[in-house]
Full PDB file with SEQRES, HELIX, SHEET, SSBOND, CRYST1, ORIGX, SCALE, CONECT and MASTER records, all heavy atoms in Angstrom:
SEQRES   1 A   36  GLY ALA GLU ARG CYS LEU VAL SER ALA ILE GLU LEU GLY          
SEQRES   2 A   36  VAL GLU ARG GLN GLN ILE ALA GLN MET LEU PHE ALA ALA          
SEQRES   3 A   36  VAL THR ASP HIS ARG TYR LEU ASP GLY GLY                      
HELIX    1 AA1 ALA A    2  GLU A   11  1                                  10    
HELIX    2 AA2 ARG A   16  VAL A   27  1                                  12    
HELIX    3 AA3 LEU A   33  GLY A   35  5                                   3    
CRYST1    1.000    1.000    1.000  90.00  90.00  90.00 P 1           1          
ORIGX1      1.000000  0.000000  0.000000        0.00000                         
ORIGX2      0.000000  1.000000  0.000000        0.00000                         
ORIGX3      0.000000  0.000000  1.000000        0.00000                         
SCALE1      1.000000  0.000000  0.000000        0.00000                         
SCALE2      0.000000  1.000000  0.000000        0.00000                         
SCALE3      0.000000  0.000000  1.000000        0.00000                         
ATOM      1  N   GLY A   1      67.693  96.357 134.852  1.00  0.00           N  
ATOM      2  CA  GLY A   1      67.743  94.838 134.881  1.00  0.00           C  
ATOM      3  C   GLY A   1      69.002  94.321 134.462  1.00  0.00           C  
ATOM      4  O   GLY A   1      69.549  93.449 134.955  1.00  0.00           O  
ATOM      5  N   ALA A   2      69.550  94.878 133.241  1.00  0.00           N  
ATOM      6  CA  ALA A   2      70.744  94.354 132.660  1.00  0.00           C  
ATOM      7  C   ALA A   2      71.949  94.586 133.649  1.00  0.00           C  
ATOM      8  O   ALA A   2      72.798  93.668 133.746  1.00  0.00           O  
ATOM      9  CB  ALA A   2      71.039  95.111 131.366  1.00  0.00           C  
ATOM     10  N   GLU A   3      71.938  95.819 134.358  1.00  0.00           N  
ATOM     11  CA  GLU A   3      73.041  96.095 135.084  1.00  0.00           C  
ATOM     12  C   GLU A   3      73.045  95.179 136.355  1.00  0.00           C  
ATOM     13  O   GLU A   3      74.188  94.779 136.744  1.00  0.00           O  
ATOM     14  CB  GLU A   3      72.936  97.545 135.692  1.00  0.00           C  
ATOM     15  CG  GLU A   3      74.095  97.996 136.517  1.00  0.00           C  
ATOM     16  CD  GLU A   3      74.017  99.446 136.915  1.00  0.00           C  
ATOM     17  OE1 GLU A   3      73.582 100.231 136.182  1.00  0.00           O  
ATOM     18  OE2 GLU A   3      74.599  99.744 138.036  1.00  0.00           O  
ATOM     19  N   ARG A   4      71.919  94.777 136.870  1.00  0.00           N  
ATOM     20  CA  ARG A   4      71.975  93.990 138.026  1.00  0.00           C  
ATOM     21  C   ARG A   4      72.380  92.482 137.663  1.00  0.00           C  
ATOM     22  O   ARG A   4      73.057  91.952 138.378  1.00  0.00           O  
ATOM     23  CB  ARG A   4      70.569  93.899 138.615  1.00  0.00           C  
ATOM     24  CG  ARG A   4      70.515  93.267 140.026  1.00  0.00           C  
ATOM     25  CD  ARG A   4      69.321  93.507 140.809  1.00  0.00           C  
ATOM     26  NE  ARG A   4      69.703  93.280 142.242  1.00  0.00           N  
ATOM     27  CZ  ARG A   4      68.862  93.104 143.246  1.00  0.00           C  
ATOM     28  NH1 ARG A   4      67.469  93.058 143.021  1.00  0.00           N  
ATOM     29  NH2 ARG A   4      69.266  92.900 144.446  1.00  0.00           N  
ATOM     30  N   CYS A   5      72.073  92.114 136.368  1.00  0.00           N  
ATOM     31  CA  CYS A   5      72.713  90.785 135.983  1.00  0.00           C  
ATOM     32  C   CYS A   5      74.271  90.871 135.808  1.00  0.00           C  
ATOM     33  O   CYS A   5      74.961  89.940 136.281  1.00  0.00           O  
ATOM     34  CB  CYS A   5      72.082  90.452 134.657  1.00  0.00           C  
ATOM     35  SG  CYS A   5      70.261  89.980 134.603  1.00  0.00           S  
ATOM     36  N   LEU A   6      74.685  91.948 135.292  1.00  0.00           N  
ATOM     37  CA  LEU A   6      76.148  92.135 135.175  1.00  0.00           C  
ATOM     38  C   LEU A   6      76.879  92.181 136.502  1.00  0.00           C  
ATOM     39  O   LEU A   6      77.762  91.475 136.680  1.00  0.00           O  
ATOM     40  CB  LEU A   6      76.463  93.328 134.339  1.00  0.00           C  
ATOM     41  CG  LEU A   6      77.919  93.690 134.083  1.00  0.00           C  
ATOM     42  CD1 LEU A   6      78.680  92.519 133.476  1.00  0.00           C  
ATOM     43  CD2 LEU A   6      78.059  94.903 133.205  1.00  0.00           C  
ATOM     44  N   VAL A   7      76.346  92.960 137.363  1.00  0.00           N  
ATOM     45  CA  VAL A   7      77.110  93.087 138.699  1.00  0.00           C  
ATOM     46  C   VAL A   7      77.005  91.727 139.413  1.00  0.00           C  
ATOM     47  O   VAL A   7      77.831  91.428 140.247  1.00  0.00           O  
ATOM     48  CB  VAL A   7      76.514  94.317 139.431  1.00  0.00           C  
ATOM     49  CG1 VAL A   7      75.156  93.977 140.078  1.00  0.00           C  
ATOM     50  CG2 VAL A   7      77.547  94.727 140.677  1.00  0.00           C  
ATOM     51  N   SER A   8      75.936  90.998 139.235  1.00  0.00           N  
ATOM     52  CA  SER A   8      75.793  89.805 139.905  1.00  0.00           C  
ATOM     53  C   SER A   8      76.808  88.768 139.344  1.00  0.00           C  
ATOM     54  O   SER A   8      77.464  88.086 140.157  1.00  0.00           O  
ATOM     55  CB  SER A   8      74.447  89.154 139.717  1.00  0.00           C  
ATOM     56  OG  SER A   8      73.472  89.975 140.305  1.00  0.00           O  
ATOM     57  N   ALA A   9      77.015  88.756 138.081  1.00  0.00           N  
ATOM     58  CA  ALA A   9      78.055  87.874 137.510  1.00  0.00           C  
ATOM     59  C   ALA A   9      79.466  88.278 138.019  1.00  0.00           C  
ATOM     60  O   ALA A   9      80.290  87.337 138.321  1.00  0.00           O  
ATOM     61  CB  ALA A   9      78.058  87.905 135.890  1.00  0.00           C  
ATOM     62  N   ILE A  10      79.768  89.531 138.032  1.00  0.00           N  
ATOM     63  CA  ILE A  10      81.129  89.969 138.569  1.00  0.00           C  
ATOM     64  C   ILE A  10      81.184  89.545 140.102  1.00  0.00           C  
ATOM     65  O   ILE A  10      82.234  89.134 140.543  1.00  0.00           O  
ATOM     66  CB  ILE A  10      81.179  91.441 138.402  1.00  0.00           C  
ATOM     67  CG1 ILE A  10      81.245  91.814 136.911  1.00  0.00           C  
ATOM     68  CG2 ILE A  10      82.458  91.908 139.065  1.00  0.00           C  
ATOM     69  CD1 ILE A  10      81.112  93.373 136.624  1.00  0.00           C  
ATOM     70  N   GLU A  11      80.143  89.626 140.862  1.00  0.00           N  
ATOM     71  CA  GLU A  11      80.052  89.439 142.294  1.00  0.00           C  
ATOM     72  C   GLU A  11      80.341  87.839 142.416  1.00  0.00           C  
ATOM     73  O   GLU A  11      80.969  87.457 143.454  1.00  0.00           O  
ATOM     74  CB  GLU A  11      78.816  89.735 143.010  1.00  0.00           C  
ATOM     75  CG  GLU A  11      78.682  89.529 144.401  1.00  0.00           C  
ATOM     76  CD  GLU A  11      79.566  90.489 145.229  1.00  0.00           C  
ATOM     77  OE1 GLU A  11      80.114  91.487 144.727  1.00  0.00           O  
ATOM     78  OE2 GLU A  11      79.898  90.107 146.447  1.00  0.00           O  
ATOM     79  N   LEU A  12      79.917  87.070 141.606  1.00  0.00           N  
ATOM     80  CA  LEU A  12      80.110  85.619 141.674  1.00  0.00           C  
ATOM     81  C   LEU A  12      81.548  85.108 141.349  1.00  0.00           C  
ATOM     82  O   LEU A  12      81.895  84.117 141.517  1.00  0.00           O  
ATOM     83  CB  LEU A  12      79.126  84.878 140.698  1.00  0.00           C  
ATOM     84  CG  LEU A  12      77.743  84.730 141.048  1.00  0.00           C  
ATOM     85  CD1 LEU A  12      76.884  84.194 139.943  1.00  0.00           C  
ATOM     86  CD2 LEU A  12      77.588  83.929 142.296  1.00  0.00           C  
ATOM     87  N   GLY A  13      82.413  86.114 140.835  1.00  0.00           N  
ATOM     88  CA  GLY A  13      83.802  85.837 140.560  1.00  0.00           C  
ATOM     89  C   GLY A  13      83.930  85.152 139.232  1.00  0.00           C  
ATOM     90  O   GLY A  13      84.955  84.429 139.039  1.00  0.00           O  
ATOM     91  N   VAL A  14      83.040  85.397 138.347  1.00  0.00           N  
ATOM     92  CA  VAL A  14      83.178  85.043 136.998  1.00  0.00           C  
ATOM     93  C   VAL A  14      84.427  85.296 136.367  1.00  0.00           C  
ATOM     94  O   VAL A  14      85.044  86.522 136.650  1.00  0.00           O  
ATOM     95  CB  VAL A  14      81.945  85.342 136.061  1.00  0.00           C  
ATOM     96  CG1 VAL A  14      82.148  84.984 134.646  1.00  0.00           C  
ATOM     97  CG2 VAL A  14      80.661  84.729 136.688  1.00  0.00           C  
ATOM     98  N   GLU A  15      85.116  84.460 135.547  1.00  0.00           N  
ATOM     99  CA  GLU A  15      86.374  84.794 134.941  1.00  0.00           C  
ATOM    100  C   GLU A  15      86.140  85.997 133.964  1.00  0.00           C  
ATOM    101  O   GLU A  15      85.181  86.295 133.379  1.00  0.00           O  
ATOM    102  CB  GLU A  15      86.825  83.600 133.971  1.00  0.00           C  
ATOM    103  CG  GLU A  15      87.108  82.285 134.801  1.00  0.00           C  
ATOM    104  CD  GLU A  15      88.526  82.564 135.604  1.00  0.00           C  
ATOM    105  OE1 GLU A  15      89.321  83.314 135.100  1.00  0.00           O  
ATOM    106  OE2 GLU A  15      88.688  81.882 136.604  1.00  0.00           O  
ATOM    107  N   ARG A  16      87.305  86.704 133.885  1.00  0.00           N  
ATOM    108  CA  ARG A  16      87.300  87.997 133.088  1.00  0.00           C  
ATOM    109  C   ARG A  16      86.937  87.763 131.685  1.00  0.00           C  
ATOM    110  O   ARG A  16      86.192  88.564 131.164  1.00  0.00           O  
ATOM    111  CB  ARG A  16      88.712  88.671 133.208  1.00  0.00           C  
ATOM    112  CG  ARG A  16      89.179  89.076 134.486  1.00  0.00           C  
ATOM    113  CD  ARG A  16      90.567  89.580 134.679  1.00  0.00           C  
ATOM    114  NE  ARG A  16      91.112  89.894 136.014  1.00  0.00           N  
ATOM    115  CZ  ARG A  16      92.233  90.429 136.232  1.00  0.00           C  
ATOM    116  NH1 ARG A  16      93.210  90.398 135.338  1.00  0.00           N  
ATOM    117  NH2 ARG A  16      92.493  90.641 137.522  1.00  0.00           N  
ATOM    118  N   GLN A  17      87.478  86.682 131.133  1.00  0.00           N  
ATOM    119  CA  GLN A  17      87.066  86.356 129.762  1.00  0.00           C  
ATOM    120  C   GLN A  17      85.654  86.113 129.549  1.00  0.00           C  
ATOM    121  O   GLN A  17      85.014  86.519 128.558  1.00  0.00           O  
ATOM    122  CB  GLN A  17      87.886  85.129 129.189  1.00  0.00           C  
ATOM    123  CG  GLN A  17      89.260  85.522 128.703  1.00  0.00           C  
ATOM    124  CD  GLN A  17      89.823  84.400 127.768  1.00  0.00           C  
ATOM    125  OE1 GLN A  17      89.659  83.168 128.086  1.00  0.00           O  
ATOM    126  NE2 GLN A  17      90.540  84.799 126.716  1.00  0.00           N  
ATOM    127  N   GLN A  18      84.942  85.529 130.497  1.00  0.00           N  
ATOM    128  CA  GLN A  18      83.583  85.234 130.437  1.00  0.00           C  
ATOM    129  C   GLN A  18      82.772  86.420 130.575  1.00  0.00           C  
ATOM    130  O   GLN A  18      81.793  86.669 129.825  1.00  0.00           O  
ATOM    131  CB  GLN A  18      83.169  84.179 131.523  1.00  0.00           C  
ATOM    132  CG  GLN A  18      83.816  82.817 131.225  1.00  0.00           C  
ATOM    133  CD  GLN A  18      83.302  81.936 132.498  1.00  0.00           C  
ATOM    134  OE1 GLN A  18      83.827  82.066 133.671  1.00  0.00           O  
ATOM    135  NE2 GLN A  18      82.559  80.833 132.198  1.00  0.00           N  
ATOM    136  N   ILE A  19      83.234  87.491 131.484  1.00  0.00           N  
ATOM    137  CA  ILE A  19      82.565  88.725 131.487  1.00  0.00           C  
ATOM    138  C   ILE A  19      82.601  89.402 130.134  1.00  0.00           C  
ATOM    139  O   ILE A  19      81.736  90.001 129.756  1.00  0.00           O  
ATOM    140  CB  ILE A  19      83.170  89.528 132.688  1.00  0.00           C  
ATOM    141  CG1 ILE A  19      82.979  88.937 133.964  1.00  0.00           C  
ATOM    142  CG2 ILE A  19      82.592  90.941 132.603  1.00  0.00           C  
ATOM    143  CD1 ILE A  19      81.437  88.868 134.366  1.00  0.00           C  
ATOM    144  N   ALA A  20      83.854  89.520 129.555  1.00  0.00           N  
ATOM    145  CA  ALA A  20      84.105  90.112 128.330  1.00  0.00           C  
ATOM    146  C   ALA A  20      83.207  89.605 127.260  1.00  0.00           C  
ATOM    147  O   ALA A  20      82.664  90.264 126.475  1.00  0.00           O  
ATOM    148  CB  ALA A  20      85.520  90.125 127.944  1.00  0.00           C  
ATOM    149  N   GLN A  21      83.090  88.331 127.255  1.00  0.00           N  
ATOM    150  CA  GLN A  21      82.222  87.583 126.291  1.00  0.00           C  
ATOM    151  C   GLN A  21      80.739  87.962 126.391  1.00  0.00           C  
ATOM    152  O   GLN A  21      80.047  88.148 125.516  1.00  0.00           O  
ATOM    153  CB  GLN A  21      82.418  86.119 126.389  1.00  0.00           C  
ATOM    154  CG  GLN A  21      81.557  85.358 125.363  1.00  0.00           C  
ATOM    155  CD  GLN A  21      82.006  83.885 125.132  1.00  0.00           C  
ATOM    156  OE1 GLN A  21      83.134  83.609 124.788  1.00  0.00           O  
ATOM    157  NE2 GLN A  21      81.154  82.942 125.396  1.00  0.00           N  
ATOM    158  N   MET A  22      80.365  88.105 127.714  1.00  0.00           N  
ATOM    159  CA  MET A  22      78.948  88.576 127.952  1.00  0.00           C  
ATOM    160  C   MET A  22      78.593  89.853 127.487  1.00  0.00           C  
ATOM    161  O   MET A  22      77.581  90.166 126.836  1.00  0.00           O  
ATOM    162  CB  MET A  22      78.832  88.466 129.464  1.00  0.00           C  
ATOM    163  CG  MET A  22      77.335  88.692 130.062  1.00  0.00           C  
ATOM    164  SD  MET A  22      77.393  88.607 131.945  1.00  0.00           S  
ATOM    165  CE  MET A  22      75.958  89.117 132.385  1.00  0.00           C  
ATOM    166  N   LEU A  23      79.675  90.768 127.596  1.00  0.00           N  
ATOM    167  CA  LEU A  23      79.485  92.183 127.118  1.00  0.00           C  
ATOM    168  C   LEU A  23      79.517  92.225 125.647  1.00  0.00           C  
ATOM    169  O   LEU A  23      78.704  92.898 124.923  1.00  0.00           O  
ATOM    170  CB  LEU A  23      80.637  93.077 127.557  1.00  0.00           C  
ATOM    171  CG  LEU A  23      80.574  93.076 129.221  1.00  0.00           C  
ATOM    172  CD1 LEU A  23      81.893  93.995 129.581  1.00  0.00           C  
ATOM    173  CD2 LEU A  23      79.416  93.997 129.679  1.00  0.00           C  
ATOM    174  N   PHE A  24      80.443  91.500 125.052  1.00  0.00           N  
ATOM    175  CA  PHE A  24      80.543  91.516 123.515  1.00  0.00           C  
ATOM    176  C   PHE A  24      79.385  90.919 122.887  1.00  0.00           C  
ATOM    177  O   PHE A  24      78.989  91.250 121.745  1.00  0.00           O  
ATOM    178  CB  PHE A  24      81.762  90.947 123.112  1.00  0.00           C  
ATOM    179  CG  PHE A  24      83.104  91.656 123.266  1.00  0.00           C  
ATOM    180  CD1 PHE A  24      84.279  91.041 123.919  1.00  0.00           C  
ATOM    181  CD2 PHE A  24      83.116  93.042 122.967  1.00  0.00           C  
ATOM    182  CE1 PHE A  24      85.362  91.779 124.130  1.00  0.00           C  
ATOM    183  CE2 PHE A  24      84.290  93.766 123.233  1.00  0.00           C  
ATOM    184  CZ  PHE A  24      85.410  93.122 123.765  1.00  0.00           C  
ATOM    185  N   ALA A  25      78.850  89.938 123.460  1.00  0.00           N  
ATOM    186  CA  ALA A  25      77.643  89.321 122.903  1.00  0.00           C  
ATOM    187  C   ALA A  25      76.482  90.288 122.798  1.00  0.00           C  
ATOM    188  O   ALA A  25      75.959  90.435 121.746  1.00  0.00           O  
ATOM    189  CB  ALA A  25      77.198  88.088 123.734  1.00  0.00           C  
ATOM    190  N   ALA A  26      76.288  90.981 123.881  1.00  0.00           N  
ATOM    191  CA  ALA A  26      75.257  91.928 123.919  1.00  0.00           C  
ATOM    192  C   ALA A  26      75.387  93.138 122.988  1.00  0.00           C  
ATOM    193  O   ALA A  26      74.402  93.653 122.342  1.00  0.00           O  
ATOM    194  CB  ALA A  26      75.056  92.564 125.356  1.00  0.00           C  
ATOM    195  N   VAL A  27      76.612  93.502 122.823  1.00  0.00           N  
ATOM    196  CA  VAL A  27      76.937  94.808 122.046  1.00  0.00           C  
ATOM    197  C   VAL A  27      76.978  94.397 120.527  1.00  0.00           C  
ATOM    198  O   VAL A  27      77.094  95.373 119.719  1.00  0.00           O  
ATOM    199  CB  VAL A  27      78.282  95.361 122.498  1.00  0.00           C  
ATOM    200  CG1 VAL A  27      79.530  94.757 121.876  1.00  0.00           C  
ATOM    201  CG2 VAL A  27      78.191  96.853 122.382  1.00  0.00           C  
ATOM    202  N   THR A  28      76.920  93.061 120.093  1.00  0.00           N  
ATOM    203  CA  THR A  28      76.873  92.820 118.732  1.00  0.00           C  
ATOM    204  C   THR A  28      75.546  92.049 118.366  1.00  0.00           C  
ATOM    205  O   THR A  28      75.469  91.498 117.347  1.00  0.00           O  
ATOM    206  CB  THR A  28      78.141  91.894 118.315  1.00  0.00           C  
ATOM    207  OG1 THR A  28      78.200  90.645 119.172  1.00  0.00           O  
ATOM    208  CG2 THR A  28      79.391  92.665 118.459  1.00  0.00           C  
ATOM    209  N   ASP A  29      74.686  92.055 119.253  1.00  0.00           N  
ATOM    210  CA  ASP A  29      73.235  91.461 119.068  1.00  0.00           C  
ATOM    211  C   ASP A  29      72.540  92.371 118.075  1.00  0.00           C  
ATOM    212  O   ASP A  29      71.638  92.026 117.407  1.00  0.00           O  
ATOM    213  CB  ASP A  29      72.464  91.366 120.388  1.00  0.00           C  
ATOM    214  CG  ASP A  29      72.762  90.118 121.084  1.00  0.00           C  
ATOM    215  OD1 ASP A  29      73.245  89.119 120.460  1.00  0.00           O  
ATOM    216  OD2 ASP A  29      72.345  90.079 122.308  1.00  0.00           O  
ATOM    217  N   HIS A  30      73.031  93.734 118.024  1.00  0.00           N  
ATOM    218  CA  HIS A  30      72.421  94.599 117.050  1.00  0.00           C  
ATOM    219  C   HIS A  30      73.592  95.155 116.211  1.00  0.00           C  
ATOM    220  O   HIS A  30      74.743  95.184 116.611  1.00  0.00           O  
ATOM    221  CB  HIS A  30      71.585  95.650 117.829  1.00  0.00           C  
ATOM    222  CG  HIS A  30      70.394  95.156 118.419  1.00  0.00           C  
ATOM    223  ND1 HIS A  30      69.104  94.984 117.697  1.00  0.00           N  
ATOM    224  CD2 HIS A  30      70.175  94.802 119.722  1.00  0.00           C  
ATOM    225  CE1 HIS A  30      68.233  94.478 118.396  1.00  0.00           C  
ATOM    226  NE2 HIS A  30      68.763  94.418 119.655  1.00  0.00           N  
ATOM    227  N   ARG A  31      73.263  95.858 115.195  1.00  0.00           N  
ATOM    228  CA  ARG A  31      74.210  96.277 114.134  1.00  0.00           C  
ATOM    229  C   ARG A  31      74.852  97.538 114.478  1.00  0.00           C  
ATOM    230  O   ARG A  31      74.102  98.634 114.553  1.00  0.00           O  
ATOM    231  CB  ARG A  31      73.630  96.277 112.824  1.00  0.00           C  
ATOM    232  CG  ARG A  31      72.842  95.041 112.303  1.00  0.00           C  
ATOM    233  CD  ARG A  31      73.681  93.900 111.862  1.00  0.00           C  
ATOM    234  NE  ARG A  31      74.702  93.386 112.953  1.00  0.00           N  
ATOM    235  CZ  ARG A  31      74.446  92.626 113.896  1.00  0.00           C  
ATOM    236  NH1 ARG A  31      73.171  92.110 114.146  1.00  0.00           N  
ATOM    237  NH2 ARG A  31      75.368  92.299 114.638  1.00  0.00           N  
ATOM    238  N   TYR A  32      76.129  97.738 114.557  1.00  0.00           N  
ATOM    239  CA  TYR A  32      76.951  98.774 114.581  1.00  0.00           C  
ATOM    240  C   TYR A  32      76.287  99.957 115.431  1.00  0.00           C  
ATOM    241  O   TYR A  32      76.083 101.017 115.122  1.00  0.00           O  
ATOM    242  CB  TYR A  32      77.016  99.407 113.132  1.00  0.00           C  
ATOM    243  CG  TYR A  32      78.156 100.297 112.891  1.00  0.00           C  
ATOM    244  CD1 TYR A  32      79.382 100.085 113.226  1.00  0.00           C  
ATOM    245  CD2 TYR A  32      77.887 101.453 112.243  1.00  0.00           C  
ATOM    246  CE1 TYR A  32      80.510 100.971 112.978  1.00  0.00           C  
ATOM    247  CE2 TYR A  32      78.896 102.480 111.794  1.00  0.00           C  
ATOM    248  CZ  TYR A  32      80.242 102.153 112.349  1.00  0.00           C  
ATOM    249  OH  TYR A  32      81.296 102.935 112.030  1.00  0.00           O  
ATOM    250  N   LEU A  33      76.257  99.485 116.770  1.00  0.00           N  
ATOM    251  CA  LEU A  33      75.584 100.510 117.725  1.00  0.00           C  
ATOM    252  C   LEU A  33      76.268 101.748 117.874  1.00  0.00           C  
ATOM    253  O   LEU A  33      77.493 101.798 118.081  1.00  0.00           O  
ATOM    254  CB  LEU A  33      75.460  99.708 119.153  1.00  0.00           C  
ATOM    255  CG  LEU A  33      74.686  98.443 119.327  1.00  0.00           C  
ATOM    256  CD1 LEU A  33      74.763  97.969 120.734  1.00  0.00           C  
ATOM    257  CD2 LEU A  33      73.287  98.674 118.716  1.00  0.00           C  
ATOM    258  N   ASP A  34      75.485 102.733 117.829  1.00  0.00           N  
ATOM    259  CA  ASP A  34      75.920 104.173 117.847  1.00  0.00           C  
ATOM    260  C   ASP A  34      77.197 104.447 117.067  1.00  0.00           C  
ATOM    261  O   ASP A  34      78.142 105.085 117.536  1.00  0.00           O  
ATOM    262  CB  ASP A  34      76.253 104.572 119.447  1.00  0.00           C  
ATOM    263  CG  ASP A  34      75.058 105.118 120.026  1.00  0.00           C  
ATOM    264  OD1 ASP A  34      73.964 105.404 119.454  1.00  0.00           O  
ATOM    265  OD2 ASP A  34      74.953 105.361 121.307  1.00  0.00           O  
ATOM    266  N   GLY A  35      77.123 104.083 115.778  1.00  0.00           N  
ATOM    267  CA  GLY A  35      78.171 104.258 114.888  1.00  0.00           C  
ATOM    268  C   GLY A  35      79.508 103.721 115.372  1.00  0.00           C  
ATOM    269  O   GLY A  35      80.620 104.244 114.951  1.00  0.00           O  
ATOM    270  N   GLY A  36      79.437 102.617 116.129  1.00  0.00           N  
ATOM    271  CA  GLY A  36      80.700 101.845 116.426  1.00  0.00           C  
ATOM    272  C   GLY A  36      81.004 102.287 117.929  1.00  0.00           C  
ATOM    273  O   GLY A  36      81.966 101.682 118.455  1.00  0.00           O  
TER     274      GLY A  36                                                      
MASTER        0    0    0    3    0    0    0    6  273    1    0    3          
END                                                                             
């Protein structure tokens, strides 16, 4: 489900910074994932 959301955002032509922010938000919702 997450992958389909991400590929949809990229397909829409969302700005690179916004895509990066989307990823960084998810990866810091939890603490120190997989030892960094």
